[in-house]
C-alpha atoms as a PDB file:
ATOM      1  CA  MET A   1     -73.052 -54.617 -24.738  1.00  0.00           C
ATOM      2  CA  ALA A   2     -74.470 -57.990 -23.699  1.00  0.00           C
ATOM      3  CA  PHE A   3     -77.737 -57.103 -25.426  1.00  0.00           C
ATOM      4  CA  LEU A   4     -75.956 -56.333 -28.672  1.00  0.00           C
ATOM      5  CA  LEU A   5     -74.027 -59.585 -28.592  1.00  0.00           C
ATOM      6  CA  GLY A   6     -77.088 -61.654 -27.689  1.00  0.00           C
ATOM      7  CA  GLU A   7     -75.612 -62.870 -24.408  1.00  0.00           C
ATOM      8  CA  ASP A   8     -77.681 -63.635 -21.370  1.00  0.00           C
ATOM      9  CA  THR A   9     -77.202 -60.667 -19.015  1.00  0.00           C
ATOM     10  CA  ALA A  10     -77.795 -62.756 -15.883  1.00  0.00           C
ATOM     11  CA  SER A  11     -74.963 -65.156 -16.684  1.00  0.00           C
ATOM     12  CA  ALA A  12     -72.692 -62.356 -17.875  1.00  0.00           C
ATOM     13  CA  SER A  13     -73.117 -60.335 -14.687  1.00  0.00           C
ATOM     14  CA  ALA A  14     -72.742 -63.392 -12.462  1.00  0.00           C
ATOM     15  CA  SER A  15     -69.405 -64.295 -14.013  1.00  0.00           C
ATOM     16  CA  THR A  16     -67.828 -60.883 -13.447  1.00  0.00           C
ATOM     17  CA  GLU A  17     -67.569 -59.263 -10.061  1.00  0.00           C
ATOM     18  CA  THR A  18     -68.586 -55.637  -9.924  1.00  0.00           C
ATOM     19  CA  PRO A  19     -66.505 -53.363  -7.718  1.00  0.00           C
ATOM     20  CA  SER A  20     -68.187 -51.871  -4.698  1.00  0.00           C
ATOM     21  CA  ARG A  21     -69.530 -48.337  -5.131  1.00  0.00           C
ATOM     22  CA  ARG A  22     -69.049 -47.538  -1.447  1.00  0.00           C
ATOM     23  CA  LEU A  23     -66.214 -45.291  -0.329  1.00  0.00           C
ATOM     24  CA  SER A  24     -63.342 -47.072   1.357  1.00  0.00           C
ATOM     25  CA  TRP A  25     -61.327 -45.612   4.227  1.00  0.00           C
ATOM     26  CA  ILE A  26     -58.591 -44.692   1.734  1.00  0.00           C
ATOM     27  CA  ASP A  27     -61.057 -42.639  -0.329  1.00  0.00           C
ATOM     28  CA  VAL A  28     -62.351 -40.825   2.742  1.00  0.00           C
ATOM     29  CA  ALA A  29     -58.846 -40.092   4.068  1.00  0.00           C
ATOM     30  CA  LEU A  30     -57.592 -38.753   0.733  1.00  0.00           C
ATOM     31  CA  MET A  31     -60.724 -36.660   0.218  1.00  0.00           C
ATOM     32  CA  ALA A  32     -60.348 -35.162   3.702  1.00  0.00           C
ATOM     33  CA  LEU A  33     -56.705 -34.399   2.956  1.00  0.00           C
ATOM     34  CA  VAL A  34     -57.509 -32.587  -0.293  1.00  0.00           C
ATOM     35  CA  LEU A  35     -60.420 -30.623   1.190  1.00  0.00           C
ATOM     36  CA  GLY A  36     -58.326 -29.738   4.219  1.00  0.00           C
ATOM     37  CA  ALA A  37     -55.608 -28.436   1.923  1.00  0.00           C
ATOM     38  CA  LEU A  38     -58.167 -26.273   0.108  1.00  0.00           C
ATOM     39  CA  THR A  39     -59.386 -24.862   3.413  1.00  0.00           C
ATOM     40  CA  VAL A  40     -55.848 -24.084   4.569  1.00  0.00           C
ATOM     41  CA  LEU A  41     -54.924 -22.440   1.268  1.00  0.00           C
ATOM     42  CA  LEU A  42     -57.995 -20.217   1.386  1.00  0.00           C
ATOM     43  CA  ALA A  43     -57.381 -19.396   5.060  1.00  0.00           C
ATOM     44  CA  VAL A  44     -53.823 -18.199   4.417  1.00  0.00           C
ATOM     45  CA  GLY A  45     -54.978 -15.882   1.632  1.00  0.00           C
ATOM     46  CA  VAL A  46     -54.382 -17.783  -1.590  1.00  0.00           C
ATOM     47  CA  GLU A  47     -56.865 -16.650  -4.225  1.00  0.00           C
ATOM     48  CA  LEU A  48     -59.616 -19.105  -5.178  1.00  0.00           C
ATOM     49  CA  PRO A  49     -58.463 -19.897  -8.767  1.00  0.00           C
ATOM     50  CA  GLN A  50     -54.917 -20.594  -7.592  1.00  0.00           C
ATOM     51  CA  ALA A  51     -56.142 -22.677  -4.654  1.00  0.00           C
ATOM     52  CA  LEU A  52     -58.379 -24.728  -6.958  1.00  0.00           C
ATOM     53  CA  THR A  53     -55.471 -25.308  -9.344  1.00  0.00           C
ATOM     54  CA  ILE A  54     -53.254 -26.526  -6.510  1.00  0.00           C
ATOM     55  CA  VAL A  55     -55.984 -28.729  -5.067  1.00  0.00           C
ATOM     56  CA  GLY A  56     -56.851 -30.063  -8.537  1.00  0.00           C
ATOM     57  CA  ALA A  57     -53.251 -31.130  -9.073  1.00  0.00           C
ATOM     58  CA  ALA A  58     -53.227 -32.677  -5.605  1.00  0.00           C
ATOM     59  CA  GLY A  59     -56.446 -34.485  -6.486  1.00  0.00           C
ATOM     60  CA  LEU A  60     -54.808 -36.044  -9.526  1.00  0.00           C
ATOM     61  CA  VAL A  61     -51.910 -37.187  -7.368  1.00  0.00           C
ATOM     62  CA  THR A  62     -54.283 -38.696  -4.804  1.00  0.00           C
ATOM     63  CA  VAL A  63     -56.161 -40.583  -7.521  1.00  0.00           C
ATOM     64  CA  GLU A  64     -52.893 -42.194  -8.582  1.00  0.00           C
ATOM     65  CA  LEU A  65     -51.962 -42.825  -4.955  1.00  0.00           C
ATOM     66  CA  ARG A  66     -55.331 -44.457  -4.286  1.00  0.00           C
ATOM     67  CA  ARG A  67     -54.962 -46.642  -7.366  1.00  0.00           C
ATOM     68  CA  ARG A  68     -51.540 -47.824  -6.234  1.00  0.00           C
ATOM     69  CA  LEU A  69     -52.621 -48.390  -2.628  1.00  0.00           C
ATOM     70  CA  SER A  70     -55.663 -50.404  -3.667  1.00  0.00           C
ATOM     71  CA  GLN A  71     -53.531 -52.709  -5.841  1.00  0.00           C
ATOM     72  CA  SER A  72     -51.323 -53.735  -2.931  1.00  0.00           C
END
C-alpha cells in the first residue's frame, strides 16, 4: 500500500507499531484448553465430525475471549 501511495516505507513502518507474532501465555492456555477438549471428546466416544464441530465452536469462543482479555 505504501508503494502505491508513494510513501517512504521506512518512515511508514517506524510510525506504526507492529504486533508481536509470538504466542502469549493466553494463546497457549486457550489452545491447550481446546486441544484438551478434543482429546477428551474423542476419548469418551464422540465421533470425529461431531468432536470437531464442538471444538470449532469452542475455538470461536476462545478467539473472542482472547480478544477481550488482551484489551484489558
